[in-house]
Amino acid sequence: MLLTVVAFIVALGLLIAVHEYGHYRVAVACGVKVLKFSVGFGKPLLRWQPKGSPTEFVVGAFPLGGYVRMLDEREAPVAAEERHLAFNTQPLRSRAAIVAAGPAANLLLAVLLYSLVNWNGVEEPRAVLASPVAGSVAQSAGLRGGELVERAALGSDDMELVRSFEDLRWLLTRGALEGQTVRLDVVPQAGASHREILLDMSRIDTREADAQLFRKIGILGPWTRPELGEVMAGGAAERAGLRQGDVVLKLGTTDVVDGQQLRELIRQSVRGEEPLAQPWRVERGGQVLTLDVLPDAKTEPSGTVGRIGAYVGAAPEFVTVEYGMLEGAWAGVVKTWDVSVLTLRMMGRMVIGEASLKNLSGPLTIADYAGRSASLGLTQYLVFLALISVSLGVLNLLPLPVLDGGHLMYYLWEGVTGRGVSDAWMERLQRAGVAVLLLMMSIALFNDVTRLFG
């Protein structure tokens, strides 16, 4: 719990500070007098003003936002000798640059974070496929498990190298959410010839990008040996005499070839709502044993499934994914672009009803992911920060009047018509923007509560 809170506060503080620093830095560069730079709201925890600087820097008690207050005739009277330093007297291009600098700073931070991960290198599972889920797109396309994916592409794009299973997972996510066919160049086994597999993602209902998405695709994880890990006390595995290190050869009349297939067979070992006892053939210390196993029946949103109370599947084979300086930086740019485009498309689909509003996430879900990623190590936490930084940058570019994107729309109107938006219309649009933003936040918070506590 403490790790989750600390990881969440650090993430919010960093991303908000970078966003506001973007506004501040460009404002100063454009000759605007900045009165206050605040990260967080409420009672100030820290407050300082550098010698010779007109700007007061503040860290508030509640890190759920921030702001940069500039000299502006619309907010308070400005002395005649300082009028040239006011935000509202600046040329249109300067005002637009100052407003756009916040989201741009978040996107640049994402590029840097992704680049750092690429340069540092990370251990990721090799892109060897586990057995596909029965009836899924992957199984229908002819995948059987054990195939090594060497290259892949979306639609008619050129094939690109697949460095790890995480590369493949990202491509599958994009293909499913964008409804594009994913082409895989696979090697079925050592020494076999390459073949191309087409995954028709148009068959998948992607209105909700939830945990069931990869079950519909049919590729849940990398290939693993069907070996049992830690066995929980009092669980079905312990009651049946199964032990850690047992390699499962057969479940009932079905030969077991990998950990994913074994997990699926265990899930399906129920009849109606009652668990189904079956003989298991396992290898233990060079000997083959047959044990009768009666799983426990567990109710999930998708129905009743079997559970044995043991970790199923050995660790997958890992590879080190590392990039050179320029290659890693370019990969960071590409990843930031891809995530930005995918985020905008998902938002657009939600607006027109092609995607569920359940995809919206709020602070509780973000805090949960912050804690989980931090517990996995610095690399995963940096990837989480990059993803949230992209989301913050893209969200602020939306044409809602209370966001940076809304102000950019005002400036676009001014650039086209030669006159600014009137005060009356500005007030109406601000109220509408606040209402839309509050509605989005309410839906996101409801989704958080349902997802985490429902």
Protein backbone atom coordinates (compact mmCIF):
# COMPACT_ATOMS: atom_id res chain seq x y z
CA MET A 1 0.00 0.00 0.00
CA LEU A 2 2.80 2.44 0.92
CA LEU A 3 4.63 1.66 -2.33
CA THR A 4 1.44 2.37 -4.31
CA VAL A 5 0.92 5.73 -2.61
CA VAL A 6 4.56 6.81 -3.04
CA ALA A 7 4.72 5.63 -6.68
CA PHE A 8 1.45 7.46 -7.45
CA ILE A 9 2.57 10.73 -5.82
CA VAL A 10 5.97 10.63 -7.53
CA ALA A 11 4.32 9.94 -10.89
CA LEU A 12 1.78 12.75 -10.58
CA GLY A 13 4.32 15.21 -9.21
CA LEU A 14 6.81 14.52 -12.00
CA LEU A 15 4.30 14.59 -14.86
CA ILE A 16 2.53 17.73 -13.63
CA ALA A 17 5.83 19.51 -12.96
CA VAL A 18 7.08 18.72 -16.47
CA HIS A 19 3.78 19.88 -18.00
CA GLU A 20 3.79 23.18 -16.14
CA TYR A 21 7.51 23.68 -16.75
CA GLY A 22 6.78 23.50 -20.47
CA HIS A 23 4.36 26.43 -20.14
CA TYR A 24 6.78 28.31 -17.87
CA ARG A 25 9.91 27.84 -19.97
CA VAL A 26 8.30 28.98 -23.23
CA ALA A 27 6.52 31.88 -21.49
CA VAL A 28 9.85 33.17 -20.20
CA ALA A 29 11.43 32.66 -23.62
CA CYS A 30 8.62 34.73 -25.18
CA GLY A 31 9.21 37.58 -22.71
CA VAL A 32 6.15 37.00 -20.51
CA LYS A 33 6.39 37.74 -16.80
CA VAL A 34 5.52 34.62 -14.78
CA LEU A 35 4.19 35.41 -11.31
CA LYS A 36 3.72 31.91 -9.89
CA PHE A 37 4.67 28.32 -10.74
CA SER A 38 2.70 25.81 -8.66
CA VAL A 39 2.73 22.02 -8.59
CA GLY A 40 -0.25 20.84 -6.55
CA PHE A 41 -3.04 22.73 -4.82
CA GLY A 42 -4.01 23.52 -1.23
CA LYS A 43 -1.72 24.50 1.61
CA PRO A 44 1.84 25.15 0.37
CA LEU A 45 4.39 22.62 1.59
CA LEU A 46 7.31 24.42 -0.02
CA ARG A 47 7.58 28.00 -1.23
CA TRP A 48 10.60 29.87 -2.62
CA GLN A 49 11.53 32.70 -4.98
CA PRO A 50 15.01 32.73 -6.57
CA LYS A 51 16.93 35.96 -6.18
CA GLY A 52 16.25 38.31 -9.08
CA SER A 53 13.33 36.22 -10.37
CA PRO A 54 9.74 37.54 -10.48
CA THR A 55 8.41 33.97 -10.13
CA GLU A 56 7.32 32.36 -6.87
CA PHE A 57 7.65 28.57 -6.92
CA VAL A 58 5.19 26.54 -4.80
CA VAL A 59 4.61 22.85 -4.02
CA GLY A 60 1.04 22.30 -2.77
CA ALA A 61 -0.29 19.61 -0.45
CA PHE A 62 -2.52 17.95 -3.06
CA PRO A 63 -0.58 16.86 -6.19
CA LEU A 64 -3.66 16.61 -8.43
CA GLY A 65 -2.79 19.48 -10.74
CA GLY A 66 -0.75 22.61 -11.12
CA TYR A 67 -0.67 25.96 -12.84
CA VAL A 68 1.53 28.78 -14.14
CA ARG A 69 0.17 32.24 -13.35
CA MET A 70 1.34 34.90 -15.79
CA LEU A 71 0.94 38.63 -15.85
CA ASP A 72 -2.37 39.19 -17.67
CA GLU A 73 -4.64 42.24 -18.01
CA ARG A 74 -7.71 39.97 -18.00
CA GLU A 75 -6.96 38.86 -14.44
CA ALA A 76 -5.66 42.03 -12.76
CA PRO A 77 -4.60 45.57 -13.67
CA VAL A 78 -1.14 45.79 -15.21
CA ALA A 79 1.13 48.79 -14.90
CA ALA A 80 1.76 50.60 -18.16
CA GLU A 81 5.52 49.98 -17.98
CA GLU A 82 4.91 46.21 -17.70
CA ARG A 83 2.18 45.87 -20.30
CA HIS A 84 4.62 44.42 -22.83
CA LEU A 85 5.30 41.59 -20.34
CA ALA A 86 1.62 40.55 -20.09
CA PHE A 87 0.46 37.30 -21.69
CA ASN A 88 -2.59 38.83 -23.38
CA THR A 89 -0.47 41.44 -25.23
CA GLN A 90 1.76 38.85 -26.90
CA PRO A 91 1.50 37.98 -30.61
CA LEU A 92 -0.79 35.08 -31.49
CA ARG A 93 2.11 32.76 -32.32
CA SER A 94 3.68 33.37 -28.87
CA ARG A 95 0.43 32.72 -26.98
CA ALA A 96 -0.17 29.54 -28.98
CA ALA A 97 3.39 28.34 -28.35
CA ILE A 98 3.08 28.93 -24.60
CA VAL A 99 -0.18 26.98 -24.41
CA ALA A 100 1.06 24.11 -26.59
CA ALA A 101 4.30 23.82 -24.62
CA GLY A 102 2.68 21.96 -21.71
CA PRO A 103 1.39 18.97 -23.68
CA ALA A 104 4.55 19.05 -25.83
CA ALA A 105 6.68 18.75 -22.68
CA ASN A 106 4.74 15.63 -21.62
CA LEU A 107 5.23 14.04 -25.04
CA LEU A 108 8.95 14.88 -25.01
CA LEU A 109 9.21 13.35 -21.53
CA ALA A 110 7.62 10.16 -22.87
CA VAL A 111 10.19 10.06 -25.70
CA LEU A 112 13.00 10.44 -23.14
CA LEU A 113 11.60 7.74 -20.83
CA TYR A 114 11.08 5.24 -23.65
CA SER A 115 14.59 6.05 -24.91
CA LEU A 116 16.09 5.46 -21.45
CA VAL A 117 14.43 2.06 -21.30
CA ASN A 118 15.72 1.24 -24.79
CA TRP A 119 19.27 2.33 -23.96
CA ASN A 120 19.37 0.56 -20.61
CA GLY A 121 18.12 -2.72 -22.05
CA VAL A 122 15.49 -4.99 -20.55
CA GLU A 123 14.97 -8.72 -20.18
CA GLU A 124 11.78 -9.72 -21.98
CA PRO A 125 10.22 -13.06 -22.95
CA ARG A 126 11.22 -14.41 -26.37
CA ALA A 127 8.42 -14.22 -28.94
CA VAL A 128 7.65 -17.96 -28.91
CA LEU A 129 3.89 -18.51 -28.89
CA ALA A 130 2.00 -20.59 -26.36
CA SER A 131 -0.93 -22.76 -27.42
CA PRO A 132 -3.78 -20.53 -28.64
CA VAL A 133 -7.12 -20.29 -26.86
CA ALA A 134 -9.72 -22.63 -28.36
CA GLY A 135 -11.99 -20.90 -30.88
CA SER A 136 -9.85 -17.77 -30.95
CA VAL A 137 -8.57 -15.79 -33.93
CA ALA A 138 -5.09 -17.27 -33.44
CA GLN A 139 -6.31 -20.86 -33.52
CA SER A 140 -8.50 -20.19 -36.56
CA ALA A 141 -5.46 -18.72 -38.35
CA GLY A 142 -3.57 -21.99 -37.90
CA LEU A 143 -1.34 -21.31 -34.92
CA ARG A 144 -0.77 -24.33 -32.69
CA GLY A 145 1.84 -23.13 -30.18
CA GLY A 146 5.63 -23.28 -30.18
CA GLU A 147 5.99 -20.96 -33.20
CA LEU A 148 8.71 -18.31 -33.07
CA VAL A 149 7.54 -14.93 -34.40
CA GLU A 150 10.49 -13.30 -36.15
CA ARG A 151 8.74 -10.43 -37.95
CA ALA A 152 5.28 -8.88 -37.97
CA ALA A 153 3.28 -6.04 -39.50
CA LEU A 154 -0.09 -4.30 -39.42
CA GLY A 155 -2.14 -4.56 -42.60
CA SER A 156 -0.02 -3.85 -45.67
CA ASP A 157 2.88 -2.27 -43.74
CA ASP A 158 6.39 -3.61 -44.23
CA MET A 159 7.38 -6.45 -41.93
CA GLU A 160 9.46 -5.35 -38.91
CA LEU A 161 11.68 -7.33 -36.58
CA VAL A 162 9.95 -8.67 -33.46
CA ARG A 163 12.54 -8.46 -30.69
CA SER A 164 10.43 -9.91 -27.88
CA PHE A 165 6.98 -11.04 -26.86
CA GLU A 166 6.27 -7.49 -25.60
CA ASP A 167 6.85 -6.15 -29.13
CA LEU A 168 4.31 -8.69 -30.38
CA ARG A 169 1.81 -7.88 -27.62
CA TRP A 170 1.90 -4.17 -28.51
CA LEU A 171 1.37 -4.93 -32.20
CA LEU A 172 -1.56 -7.23 -31.39
CA THR A 173 -3.11 -4.53 -29.20
CA ARG A 174 -2.88 -1.97 -31.98
CA GLY A 175 -4.25 -4.41 -34.54
CA ALA A 176 -7.23 -5.33 -32.38
CA LEU A 177 -8.14 -1.75 -31.41
CA GLU A 178 -7.67 -0.45 -34.95
CA GLY A 179 -9.41 -3.44 -36.56
CA GLN A 180 -6.42 -4.20 -38.81
CA THR A 181 -5.13 -7.59 -39.90
CA VAL A 182 -1.87 -8.56 -38.18
CA ARG A 183 0.63 -10.45 -40.35
CA LEU A 184 3.09 -12.76 -38.59
CA ASP A 185 6.22 -14.30 -40.10
CA VAL A 186 6.70 -17.43 -37.97
CA VAL A 187 9.03 -20.41 -37.76
CA PRO A 188 7.03 -23.43 -36.50
CA GLN A 189 10.10 -25.21 -35.05
CA ALA A 190 13.87 -25.38 -35.33
CA GLY A 191 14.94 -25.98 -38.92
CA ALA A 192 11.43 -25.54 -40.36
CA SER A 193 10.63 -23.08 -43.14
CA HIS A 194 9.00 -19.71 -42.53
CA ARG A 195 5.30 -19.19 -43.11
CA GLU A 196 3.02 -16.19 -42.93
CA ILE A 197 0.02 -16.17 -40.57
CA LEU A 198 -2.83 -13.66 -40.95
CA LEU A 199 -4.79 -12.71 -37.83
CA ASP A 200 -8.13 -11.18 -38.83
CA MET A 201 -8.74 -8.69 -36.02
CA SER A 202 -12.00 -7.45 -37.56
CA ARG A 203 -13.66 -10.49 -35.99
CA ILE A 204 -13.01 -9.17 -32.48
CA ASP A 205 -15.44 -6.99 -30.54
CA THR A 206 -13.11 -4.37 -29.08
CA ARG A 207 -15.61 -2.00 -27.52
CA GLU A 208 -13.93 -2.80 -24.20
CA ALA A 209 -10.13 -3.03 -24.15
CA ASP A 210 -10.18 -5.24 -21.06
CA ALA A 211 -8.38 -8.35 -19.89
CA GLN A 212 -10.53 -10.49 -22.21
CA LEU A 213 -9.06 -8.85 -25.32
CA PHE A 214 -6.10 -11.24 -25.57
CA ARG A 215 -8.35 -14.23 -24.89
CA LYS A 216 -10.34 -13.22 -27.97
CA ILE A 217 -7.11 -12.89 -29.96
CA GLY A 218 -5.98 -16.20 -28.50
CA ILE A 219 -2.36 -15.27 -27.68
CA LEU A 220 -2.11 -14.94 -23.91
CA GLY A 221 1.59 -15.34 -23.30
CA PRO A 222 4.90 -16.82 -24.40
CA TRP A 223 5.59 -20.54 -24.54
CA THR A 224 6.47 -22.21 -21.23
CA ARG A 225 7.10 -25.76 -20.06
CA PRO A 226 4.00 -27.34 -18.45
CA GLU A 227 5.72 -27.40 -15.07
CA LEU A 228 4.17 -26.68 -11.69
CA GLY A 229 5.60 -23.91 -9.56
CA GLU A 230 4.71 -23.07 -5.97
CA VAL A 231 1.89 -25.26 -4.60
CA MET A 232 -0.45 -23.49 -2.16
CA ALA A 233 -1.28 -25.10 1.14
CA GLY A 234 -4.77 -26.62 1.21
CA GLY A 235 -5.34 -26.24 -2.53
CA ALA A 236 -6.47 -28.90 -4.97
CA ALA A 237 -2.89 -29.53 -6.15
CA GLU A 238 -1.63 -30.26 -2.64
CA ARG A 239 -4.62 -32.48 -1.86
CA ALA A 240 -3.91 -34.53 -5.00
CA GLY A 241 -0.22 -34.97 -4.12
CA LEU A 242 1.18 -32.68 -6.83
CA ARG A 243 4.50 -31.01 -6.05
CA GLN A 244 6.52 -28.06 -7.25
CA GLY A 245 8.67 -29.12 -10.21
CA ASP A 246 6.23 -31.73 -11.53
CA VAL A 247 6.07 -31.66 -15.35
CA VAL A 248 2.57 -32.46 -16.58
CA LEU A 249 2.53 -34.86 -19.55
CA LYS A 250 -1.15 -35.65 -19.85
CA LEU A 251 -4.43 -34.42 -18.41
CA GLY A 252 -7.15 -37.01 -18.88
CA THR A 253 -6.80 -38.16 -22.50
CA THR A 254 -5.15 -34.94 -23.71
CA ASP A 255 -1.40 -34.64 -24.24
CA VAL A 256 -0.05 -31.46 -22.63
CA VAL A 257 2.51 -29.51 -24.64
CA ASP A 258 2.92 -26.21 -22.77
CA GLY A 259 1.94 -24.20 -19.72
CA GLN A 260 -0.72 -22.14 -21.50
CA GLN A 261 -2.54 -25.25 -22.74
CA LEU A 262 -2.38 -26.71 -19.22
CA ARG A 263 -3.88 -23.55 -17.72
CA GLU A 264 -6.73 -23.68 -20.24
CA LEU A 265 -7.39 -27.37 -19.54
CA ILE A 266 -7.54 -26.65 -15.81
CA ARG A 267 -9.96 -23.75 -16.39
CA GLN A 268 -12.20 -26.04 -18.44
CA SER A 269 -12.17 -28.91 -15.94
CA VAL A 270 -15.70 -28.19 -14.71
CA ARG A 271 -19.02 -29.62 -15.75
CA GLY A 272 -21.69 -26.98 -15.31
CA GLU A 273 -20.63 -25.54 -11.97
CA GLU A 274 -19.08 -28.73 -10.57
CA PRO A 275 -15.35 -29.59 -10.83
CA LEU A 276 -14.41 -32.67 -12.85
CA ALA A 277 -11.85 -35.14 -11.44
CA GLN A 278 -9.32 -36.39 -14.00
CA PRO A 279 -6.14 -38.49 -13.95
CA TRP A 280 -2.96 -36.48 -14.43
CA ARG A 281 0.25 -38.04 -15.74
CA VAL A 282 3.28 -36.19 -14.42
CA GLU A 283 7.04 -36.61 -14.56
CA ARG A 284 8.82 -36.26 -11.22
CA GLY A 285 12.54 -36.92 -10.78
CA GLY A 286 12.72 -39.14 -13.87
CA GLN A 287 9.63 -41.17 -12.89
CA VAL A 288 6.16 -40.99 -14.45
CA LEU A 289 3.28 -40.90 -11.96
CA THR A 290 -0.51 -40.86 -12.37
CA LEU A 291 -2.49 -38.80 -9.85
CA ASP A 292 -6.22 -38.09 -9.63
CA VAL A 293 -6.83 -34.34 -9.40
CA LEU A 294 -10.13 -32.71 -8.43
CA PRO A 295 -9.88 -28.93 -9.10
CA ASP A 296 -11.68 -26.30 -7.07
CA ALA A 297 -14.54 -24.51 -8.85
CA LYS A 298 -14.18 -20.71 -8.87
CA THR A 299 -16.75 -18.23 -10.16
CA GLU A 300 -15.48 -15.49 -12.49
CA PRO A 301 -17.34 -12.90 -14.60
CA SER A 302 -16.93 -15.24 -17.61
CA GLY A 303 -18.39 -18.22 -15.69
CA THR A 304 -17.24 -21.04 -13.43
CA VAL A 305 -13.68 -22.23 -13.99
CA GLY A 306 -11.33 -24.78 -12.45
CA ARG A 307 -8.42 -23.85 -10.18
CA ILE A 308 -5.79 -26.10 -8.55
CA GLY A 309 -4.01 -23.69 -6.21
CA ALA A 310 -0.58 -23.81 -7.85
CA TYR A 311 1.52 -21.70 -10.19
CA VAL A 312 1.22 -23.32 -13.62
CA GLY A 313 3.98 -23.01 -16.22
CA ALA A 314 7.75 -22.58 -15.89
CA ALA A 315 9.45 -19.26 -16.60
CA PRO A 316 9.60 -18.45 -20.34
CA GLU A 317 12.83 -18.04 -22.27
CA PHE A 318 14.11 -14.46 -21.99
CA VAL A 319 16.10 -12.27 -24.37
CA THR A 320 17.87 -8.96 -23.72
CA VAL A 321 16.30 -6.15 -25.74
CA GLU A 322 18.75 -3.26 -26.06
CA TYR A 323 19.16 -0.43 -28.58
CA GLY A 324 22.02 1.82 -29.65
CA MET A 325 21.92 5.56 -28.92
CA LEU A 326 20.26 6.80 -32.13
CA GLU A 327 18.21 3.65 -32.69
CA GLY A 328 16.89 3.78 -29.11
CA ALA A 329 15.96 7.46 -29.37
CA TRP A 330 14.14 6.91 -32.67
CA ALA A 331 12.32 3.91 -31.20
CA GLY A 332 11.24 6.19 -28.32
CA VAL A 333 9.84 8.72 -30.79
CA VAL A 334 7.99 6.00 -32.72
CA LYS A 335 6.54 4.46 -29.54
CA THR A 336 5.35 7.85 -28.30
CA TRP A 337 3.73 8.55 -31.67
CA ASP A 338 2.06 5.14 -31.80
CA VAL A 339 0.67 5.43 -28.26
CA SER A 340 -0.56 8.99 -28.97
CA VAL A 341 -2.36 7.93 -32.16
CA LEU A 342 -3.88 4.88 -30.49
CA THR A 343 -5.06 7.00 -27.54
CA LEU A 344 -6.74 9.52 -29.88
CA ARG A 345 -8.40 6.75 -31.87
CA MET A 346 -9.76 5.14 -28.73
CA MET A 347 -11.11 8.49 -27.53
CA GLY A 348 -12.72 9.07 -30.92
CA ARG A 349 -14.30 5.62 -30.87
CA MET A 350 -15.72 6.30 -27.40
CA VAL A 351 -17.24 9.58 -28.61
CA ILE A 352 -19.06 7.90 -31.54
CA GLY A 353 -20.06 4.85 -29.48
CA GLU A 354 -17.76 2.28 -31.12
CA ALA A 355 -15.86 1.78 -27.85
CA SER A 356 -17.20 1.50 -24.32
CA LEU A 357 -16.78 4.33 -21.80
CA LYS A 358 -15.57 1.59 -19.45
CA ASN A 359 -12.17 2.11 -21.09
CA LEU A 360 -11.80 5.42 -19.22
CA SER A 361 -9.53 5.13 -16.18
CA GLY A 362 -9.24 7.50 -13.24
CA PRO A 363 -6.84 8.17 -10.36
CA LEU A 364 -7.55 4.91 -8.50
CA THR A 365 -6.63 2.74 -11.47
CA ILE A 366 -3.58 4.90 -12.20
CA ALA A 367 -2.46 4.56 -8.58
CA ASP A 368 -2.95 0.79 -8.72
CA TYR A 369 -0.86 0.51 -11.91
CA ALA A 370 1.78 2.83 -10.42
CA GLY A 371 2.21 0.51 -7.45
CA ARG A 372 2.25 -2.64 -9.59
CA SER A 373 4.81 -1.27 -12.04
CA ALA A 374 7.05 0.05 -9.25
CA SER A 375 7.00 -3.38 -7.58
CA LEU A 376 8.33 -4.91 -10.84
CA GLY A 377 11.37 -2.63 -10.94
CA LEU A 378 12.60 0.69 -12.29
CA THR A 379 12.27 -0.25 -15.96
CA GLN A 380 8.58 -1.13 -15.70
CA TYR A 381 7.93 2.02 -13.67
CA LEU A 382 9.59 4.15 -16.36
CA VAL A 383 7.39 2.51 -19.01
CA PHE A 384 4.33 3.29 -16.86
CA LEU A 385 5.44 6.93 -16.48
CA ALA A 386 5.93 7.22 -20.24
CA LEU A 387 2.45 5.83 -20.93
CA ILE A 388 0.78 8.20 -18.46
CA SER A 389 2.83 11.13 -19.77
CA VAL A 390 1.56 10.44 -23.30
CA SER A 391 -2.01 10.20 -21.99
CA LEU A 392 -1.66 13.51 -20.14
CA GLY A 393 -0.21 15.22 -23.19
CA VAL A 394 -2.90 13.90 -25.54
CA LEU A 395 -5.74 14.63 -23.08
CA ASN A 396 -4.64 18.26 -22.75
CA LEU A 397 -4.66 18.68 -26.53
CA LEU A 398 -8.35 17.76 -26.75
CA PRO A 399 -10.46 20.73 -27.96
CA LEU A 400 -12.22 21.22 -24.61
CA PRO A 401 -12.32 24.88 -23.53
CA VAL A 402 -10.82 24.26 -20.07
CA LEU A 403 -7.86 22.35 -21.51
CA ASP A 404 -4.86 23.55 -23.50
CA GLY A 405 -6.43 22.20 -26.68
CA GLY A 406 -9.47 24.42 -26.12
CA HIS A 407 -7.31 27.52 -25.89
CA LEU A 408 -5.52 26.48 -29.08
CA MET A 409 -8.95 26.30 -30.75
CA TYR A 410 -9.59 29.89 -29.63
CA TYR A 411 -6.30 30.94 -31.21
CA LEU A 412 -7.15 29.08 -34.40
CA TRP A 413 -10.42 31.04 -34.56
CA GLU A 414 -8.50 34.25 -33.96
CA GLY A 415 -5.97 33.39 -36.66
CA VAL A 416 -8.72 32.65 -39.22
CA THR A 417 -11.12 35.51 -38.41
CA GLY A 418 -8.67 38.12 -37.17
CA ARG A 419 -10.55 38.63 -33.89
CA GLY A 420 -10.59 36.80 -30.57
CA VAL A 421 -13.48 34.89 -29.05
CA SER A 422 -15.80 37.28 -27.19
CA ASP A 423 -15.92 37.24 -23.39
CA ALA A 424 -19.54 36.07 -23.43
CA TRP A 425 -18.80 33.09 -25.67
CA MET A 426 -15.64 32.37 -23.71
CA GLU A 427 -17.67 32.08 -20.51
CA ARG A 428 -20.29 29.81 -22.13
CA LEU A 429 -17.63 27.54 -23.63
CA GLN A 430 -15.70 27.38 -20.35
CA ARG A 431 -18.84 26.25 -18.51
CA ALA A 432 -19.56 23.62 -21.14
CA GLY A 433 -15.97 22.41 -20.98
CA VAL A 434 -16.07 22.12 -17.20
CA ALA A 435 -19.31 20.10 -17.44
CA VAL A 436 -17.83 17.68 -19.99
CA LEU A 437 -14.62 17.30 -17.98
CA LEU A 438 -16.54 16.63 -14.74
CA LEU A 439 -18.65 14.04 -16.56
CA MET A 440 -15.53 12.29 -17.88
CA MET A 441 -13.96 12.32 -14.42
CA SER A 442 -17.13 10.91 -12.83
CA ILE A 443 -17.29 8.06 -15.36
CA ALA A 444 -13.59 7.33 -14.89
CA LEU A 445 -13.95 7.26 -11.09
CA PHE A 446 -17.01 4.98 -11.36
CA ASN A 447 -15.01 2.65 -13.61
CA ASP A 448 -12.16 2.68 -11.08
CA VAL A 449 -14.44 1.66 -8.21
CA THR A 450 -16.14 -1.02 -10.32
CA ARG A 451 -12.83 -2.39 -11.62
CA LEU A 452 -11.01 -2.46 -8.29
CA PHE A 453 -13.79 -3.19 -5.81
CA GLY A 454 -16.64 -4.60 -7.90
